[in-house]
C-alpha atoms as a PDB file:
ATOM      1  CA  TYR A   1      -0.044   0.048  -0.088  1.00  0.00           C
ATOM      2  CA  ALA A   2       2.788   2.504   0.893  1.00  0.00           C
ATOM      3  CA  ILE A   3       4.822   1.448  -2.221  1.00  0.00           C
ATOM      4  CA  SER A   4       2.071   2.144  -4.327  1.00  0.00           C
ATOM      5  CA  LYS A   5       0.972   5.702  -2.962  1.00  0.00           C
ATOM      6  CA  LEU A   6       4.878   6.658  -3.295  1.00  0.00           C
ATOM      7  CA  GLU A   7       4.467   5.297  -7.219  1.00  0.00           C
ATOM      8  CA  ALA A   8       1.315   7.680  -7.726  1.00  0.00           C
ATOM      9  CA  GLU A   9       3.389  10.851  -6.097  1.00  0.00           C
ATOM     10  CA  ILE A  10       6.379   9.789  -8.096  1.00  0.00           C
ATOM     11  CA  GLY A  11       4.248   9.475 -11.468  1.00  0.00           C
ATOM     12  CA  LEU A  12       2.228  12.401 -10.676  1.00  0.00           C
ATOM     13  CA  LEU A  13       5.360  14.674 -10.217  1.00  0.00           C
ATOM     14  CA  GLU A  14       6.863  13.482 -13.205  1.00  0.00           C
ATOM     15  CA  ILE A  15       3.265  14.586 -15.078  1.00  0.00           C
ATOM     16  CA  ALA A  16       3.825  17.581 -13.624  1.00  0.00           C
ATOM     17  CA  LYS A  17       7.169  18.283 -14.951  1.00  0.00           C
ATOM     18  CA  ARG A  18       6.282  17.805 -18.530  1.00  0.00           C
ATOM     19  CA  THR A  19       2.702  19.708 -18.148  1.00  0.00           C
ATOM     20  CA  ASN A  20       1.512  22.808 -16.595  1.00  0.00           C
ATOM     21  CA  LEU A  21      -0.210  20.814 -14.029  1.00  0.00           C
ATOM     22  CA  ASP A  22       0.093  21.849 -10.482  1.00  0.00           C
ATOM     23  CA  VAL A  23       0.356  18.909  -8.350  1.00  0.00           C
ATOM     24  CA  VAL A  24       0.066  19.008  -4.319  1.00  0.00           C
ATOM     25  CA  ILE A  25       0.682  15.880  -2.151  1.00  0.00           C
ATOM     26  CA  ILE A  26      -0.991  15.817   1.316  1.00  0.00           C
ATOM     27  CA  ARG A  27       0.127  12.980   3.647  1.00  0.00           C
ATOM     28  CA  SER A  28      -1.584  12.674   6.718  1.00  0.00           C
ATOM     29  CA  PRO A  29      -1.807  10.508   9.479  1.00  0.00           C
ATOM     30  CA  ALA A  30      -4.628   8.921  11.212  1.00  0.00           C
ATOM     31  CA  ILE A  31      -7.943  10.867   9.945  1.00  0.00           C
ATOM     32  CA  TYR A  32     -10.426  10.826  12.688  1.00  0.00           C
ATOM     33  CA  GLY A  33     -14.055  12.133  13.034  1.00  0.00           C
ATOM     34  CA  GLU A  34     -17.746  11.355  14.181  1.00  0.00           C
ATOM     35  CA  ASN A  35     -18.488   7.749  12.563  1.00  0.00           C
ATOM     36  CA  ALA A  36     -14.731   6.939  11.225  1.00  0.00           C
ATOM     37  CA  PRO A  37     -13.713   3.886  10.039  1.00  0.00           C
ATOM     38  CA  GLY A  38     -11.175   1.261  11.315  1.00  0.00           C
ATOM     39  CA  ASN A  39      -9.784   1.249  14.685  1.00  0.00           C
ATOM     40  CA  PHE A  40     -11.385   4.897  15.340  1.00  0.00           C
ATOM     41  CA  GLY A  41     -14.917   3.297  14.714  1.00  0.00           C
ATOM     42  CA  LEU A  42     -13.862   0.228  16.708  1.00  0.00           C
ATOM     43  CA  ILE A  43     -13.101   2.853  19.790  1.00  0.00           C
ATOM     44  CA  GLU A  44     -16.237   4.322  19.217  1.00  0.00           C
ATOM     45  CA  ARG A  45     -18.574   1.607  19.445  1.00  0.00           C
ATOM     46  CA  LEU A  46     -16.613   0.078  22.364  1.00  0.00           C
ATOM     47  CA  ILE A  47     -17.036   3.488  24.542  1.00  0.00           C
ATOM     48  CA  LYS A  48     -20.738   3.511  23.234  1.00  0.00           C
ATOM     49  CA  TYR A  49     -21.408  -0.132  24.655  1.00  0.00           C
ATOM     50  CA  GLY A  50     -19.280   1.033  27.798  1.00  0.00           C
ATOM     51  CA  ILE A  51     -16.540  -1.440  27.623  1.00  0.00           C
ATOM     52  CA  PRO A  52     -13.662  -0.660  30.007  1.00  0.00           C
ATOM     53  CA  LEU A  53     -10.412   0.178  27.854  1.00  0.00           C
ATOM     54  CA  PRO A  54      -7.661  -0.470  29.705  1.00  0.00           C
ATOM     55  CA  VAL A  55      -5.732   2.681  27.908  1.00  0.00           C
ATOM     56  CA  GLY A  56      -5.302   4.511  31.193  1.00  0.00           C
ATOM     57  CA  SER A  57      -1.483   3.821  31.825  1.00  0.00           C
ATOM     58  CA  ILE A  58      -0.470   4.669  28.184  1.00  0.00           C
ATOM     59  CA  ASP A  59       1.888   7.587  27.964  1.00  0.00           C
ATOM     60  CA  ASN A  60       2.494   8.064  24.516  1.00  0.00           C
ATOM     61  CA  LYS A  61       2.509  10.777  21.689  1.00  0.00           C
ATOM     62  CA  ARG A  62       0.627  10.238  18.168  1.00  0.00           C
ATOM     63  CA  SER A  63      -0.308  12.740  15.451  1.00  0.00           C
ATOM     64  CA  LEU A  64      -3.857  12.872  14.293  1.00  0.00           C
ATOM     65  CA  VAL A  65      -5.923  14.959  12.213  1.00  0.00           C
ATOM     66  CA  ALA A  66      -9.381  15.980  12.228  1.00  0.00           C
ATOM     67  CA  ILE A  67     -11.482  15.871   9.236  1.00  0.00           C
ATOM     68  CA  LYS A  68     -12.613  19.336   9.723  1.00  0.00           C
ATOM     69  CA  ASN A  69      -8.725  20.100   9.644  1.00  0.00           C
ATOM     70  CA  LEU A  70      -7.833  17.924   7.122  1.00  0.00           C
ATOM     71  CA  VAL A  71     -10.890  19.850   4.682  1.00  0.00           C
ATOM     72  CA  SER A  72      -9.077  22.859   5.739  1.00  0.00           C
ATOM     73  CA  PHE A  73      -5.762  22.375   4.537  1.00  0.00           C
ATOM     74  CA  ILE A  74      -6.871  20.995   1.232  1.00  0.00           C
ATOM     75  CA  THR A  75      -9.011  24.069   0.592  1.00  0.00           C
ATOM     76  CA  LEU A  76      -5.768  26.479   1.408  1.00  0.00           C
ATOM     77  CA  CYS A  77      -3.823  24.053  -1.231  1.00  0.00           C
ATOM     78  CA  ILE A  78      -6.091  24.816  -3.569  1.00  0.00           C
ATOM     79  CA  ASP A  79      -5.828  28.769  -3.802  1.00  0.00           C
ATOM     80  CA  HIS A  80      -2.283  29.021  -2.255  1.00  0.00           C
ATOM     81  CA  GLN A  81       0.322  29.526  -5.036  1.00  0.00           C
ATOM     82  CA  LYS A  82       2.893  28.103  -2.777  1.00  0.00           C
ATOM     83  CA  ALA A  83       1.055  24.903  -2.517  1.00  0.00           C
ATOM     84  CA  ALA A  84       1.871  24.341  -6.134  1.00  0.00           C
ATOM     85  CA  ASN A  85       4.343  21.187  -6.566  1.00  0.00           C
ATOM     86  CA  GLU A  86       4.745  20.404  -3.151  1.00  0.00           C
ATOM     87  CA  LEU A  87       4.693  17.984  -0.509  1.00  0.00           C
ATOM     88  CA  PHE A  88       3.175  18.172   3.024  1.00  0.00           C
ATOM     89  CA  PHE A  89       2.432  16.607   6.516  1.00  0.00           C
ATOM     90  CA  VAL A  90      -0.594  17.712   8.029  1.00  0.00           C
ATOM     91  CA  SER A  91      -2.107  17.134  11.493  1.00  0.00           C
ATOM     92  CA  ASP A  92      -3.805  19.024  14.022  1.00  0.00           C
ATOM     93  CA  ASN A  93      -0.188  20.045  15.438  1.00  0.00           C
ATOM     94  CA  GLU A  94      -1.376  18.752  18.718  1.00  0.00           C
ATOM     95  CA  ASP A  95      -0.054  15.272  19.564  1.00  0.00           C
ATOM     96  CA  LEU A  96      -1.996  13.068  21.216  1.00  0.00           C
ATOM     97  CA  SER A  97      -1.789  10.127  23.827  1.00  0.00           C
ATOM     98  CA  THR A  98      -3.757   7.135  23.052  1.00  0.00           C
ATOM     99  CA  LEU A  99      -5.638   7.770  26.571  1.00  0.00           C
ATOM    100  CA  GLU A 100      -6.309  11.171  25.140  1.00  0.00           C
ATOM    101  CA  ILE A 101      -7.615   9.793  21.750  1.00  0.00           C
ATOM    102  CA  VAL A 102      -9.962   7.878  23.664  1.00  0.00           C
ATOM    103  CA  LYS A 103     -11.258  10.530  25.520  1.00  0.00           C
ATOM    104  CA  LEU A 104     -11.780  12.531  22.379  1.00  0.00           C
ATOM    105  CA  MET A 105     -13.356  10.010  21.065  1.00  0.00           C
ATOM    106  CA  GLY A 106     -15.786   9.658  23.773  1.00  0.00           C
ATOM    107  CA  VAL A 107     -16.385  13.579  23.592  1.00  0.00           C
ATOM    108  CA  LEU A 108     -17.437  13.044  19.712  1.00  0.00           C
ATOM    109  CA  VAL A 109     -19.660  10.293  20.432  1.00  0.00           C
ATOM    110  CA  GLY A 110     -21.255  11.763  23.457  1.00  0.00           C
ATOM    111  CA  LYS A 111     -20.052   9.338  26.085  1.00  0.00           C
ATOM    112  CA  LYS A 112     -17.584   9.264  28.753  1.00  0.00           C
ATOM    113  CA  PRO A 113     -15.490   6.109  28.307  1.00  0.00           C
ATOM    114  CA  ASN A 114     -14.694   3.680  30.719  1.00  0.00           C
ATOM    115  CA  ILE A 115     -11.378   4.102  31.164  1.00  0.00           C
ATOM    116  CA  ILE A 116      -9.043   1.589  33.279  1.00  0.00           C
ATOM    117  CA  LYS A 117      -5.457   2.007  33.950  1.00  0.00           C
ATOM    118  CA  PHE A 118      -3.476  -1.220  32.942  1.00  0.00           C
ATOM    119  CA  PRO A 119       0.461  -2.135  33.182  1.00  0.00           C
ATOM    120  CA  LEU A 120       1.972  -1.478  30.524  1.00  0.00           C
ATOM    121  CA  ILE A 121       4.232  -4.795  30.568  1.00  0.00           C
ATOM    122  CA  CYS A 122       0.783  -6.801  30.834  1.00  0.00           C
ATOM    123  CA  LEU A 123      -0.615  -5.123  27.803  1.00  0.00           C
ATOM    124  CA  TRP A 124       2.667  -5.688  25.902  1.00  0.00           C
ATOM    125  CA  PHE A 125       2.171  -9.306  26.955  1.00  0.00           C
ATOM    126  CA  ILE A 126      -1.139  -9.745  25.864  1.00  0.00           C
ATOM    127  CA  PHE A 127      -0.634  -8.514  22.494  1.00  0.00           C
ATOM    128  CA  LYS A 128       2.148 -10.591  22.167  1.00  0.00           C
ATOM    129  CA  VAL A 129       0.418 -13.941  23.099  1.00  0.00           C
ATOM    130  CA  LEU A 130      -2.671 -12.938  20.597  1.00  0.00           C
ATOM    131  CA  GLY A 131       0.023 -12.683  17.796  1.00  0.00           C
ATOM    132  CA  LYS A 132      -0.783  -8.770  17.196  1.00  0.00           C
ATOM    133  CA  GLN A 133       2.410  -7.116  18.391  1.00  0.00           C
ATOM    134  CA  LYS A 134       1.812  -4.871  15.634  1.00  0.00           C
ATOM    135  CA  ALA A 135      -1.496  -3.765  16.647  1.00  0.00           C
ATOM    136  CA  GLY A 136       0.360  -3.225  20.118  1.00  0.00           C
ATOM    137  CA  GLU A 137       2.806  -1.041  18.776  1.00  0.00           C
ATOM    138  CA  SER A 138       0.345   0.957  17.011  1.00  0.00           C
ATOM    139  CA  LEU A 139      -1.851   1.545  20.197  1.00  0.00           C
ATOM    140  CA  MET A 140       1.371   2.334  22.777  1.00  0.00           C
ATOM    141  CA  SER A 141       4.121   3.499  20.555  1.00  0.00           C
ATOM    142  CA  ASN A 142       4.970   7.214  19.690  1.00  0.00           C
ATOM    143  CA  LEU A 143       4.181   8.268  15.930  1.00  0.00           C
ATOM    144  CA  GLN A 144       4.782  11.824  15.454  1.00  0.00           C
ATOM    145  CA  LEU A 145       4.926  14.196  12.332  1.00  0.00           C
ATOM    146  CA  ASP A 146       6.636  17.338  11.750  1.00  0.00           C
ATOM    147  CA  THR A 147       4.585  19.677  10.361  1.00  0.00           C
ATOM    148  CA  ASP A 148       6.453  23.008  10.935  1.00  0.00           C
ATOM    149  CA  ARG A 149       6.758  23.722   6.993  1.00  0.00           C
ATOM    150  CA  SER A 150       3.170  23.295   6.325  1.00  0.00           C
ATOM    151  CA  ARG A 151       2.497  26.122   8.873  1.00  0.00           C
ATOM    152  CA  GLU A 152       5.185  27.871   7.960  1.00  0.00           C
ATOM    153  CA  LEU A 153       4.824  27.978   4.242  1.00  0.00           C
ATOM    154  CA  LEU A 154       1.279  28.112   4.076  1.00  0.00           C
ATOM    155  CA  GLY A 155       0.439  30.127   6.744  1.00  0.00           C
ATOM    156  CA  TRP A 156      -1.795  27.732   7.941  1.00  0.00           C
ATOM    157  CA  SER A 157      -3.092  26.668  11.349  1.00  0.00           C
ATOM    158  CA  PRO A 158      -5.745  24.002  12.336  1.00  0.00           C
ATOM    159  CA  PRO A 159      -9.213  25.616  12.945  1.00  0.00           C
ATOM    160  CA  PHE A 160     -10.199  22.402  15.157  1.00  0.00           C
ATOM    161  CA  SER A 161      -8.184  22.038  18.295  1.00  0.00           C
ATOM    162  CA  PRO A 162      -8.875  18.469  19.935  1.00  0.00           C
ATOM    163  CA  LYS A 163      -6.992  19.405  23.393  1.00  0.00           C
ATOM    164  CA  GLN A 164      -9.033  22.256  23.904  1.00  0.00           C
ATOM    165  CA  LEU A 165     -12.341  20.051  23.233  1.00  0.00           C
ATOM    166  CA  ILE A 166     -11.013  17.755  25.849  1.00  0.00           C
ATOM    167  CA  LYS A 167     -10.250  20.338  28.509  1.00  0.00           C
ATOM    168  CA  SER A 168     -13.775  21.848  28.150  1.00  0.00           C
ATOM    169  CA  LEU A 169     -15.058  18.648  29.139  1.00  0.00           C
ATOM    170  CA  ASP A 170     -12.487  17.099  31.957  1.00  0.00           C
END
């Protein structure tokens, strides 16, 4: 999947060189919002059913982007001269821990998540026994993007702040 995306980017940039087509490549981390698919959808369902989530001890940092912020960035790139033929990383510019992500998803679905503290070593062990080490890494490790260039070159700042939303409800 990643290789095919990279090949598509390279192909588009080659076409742009031969024509007057402007290309903007936007790379984002996980995109979230209400009714999001994938892992966010799973978290949303677990929260809705009140299932305890053992994420209270996870202290990592992950870059994410709200669909509202991604749309804002895409809209800016359409009209901004400096966006032409550039590659950008985009995020909320507020890296969240898994615990904060679960709290945010709770806010988005309108229900307080049932969060429990669980020793990290036990979580790692459970993922290993289940043969889901990659899922464990995804849940507990850091994954941060440097989006300074997107903000500096285009003057963009995300209109939606997940941390403000979380703080307003704590």
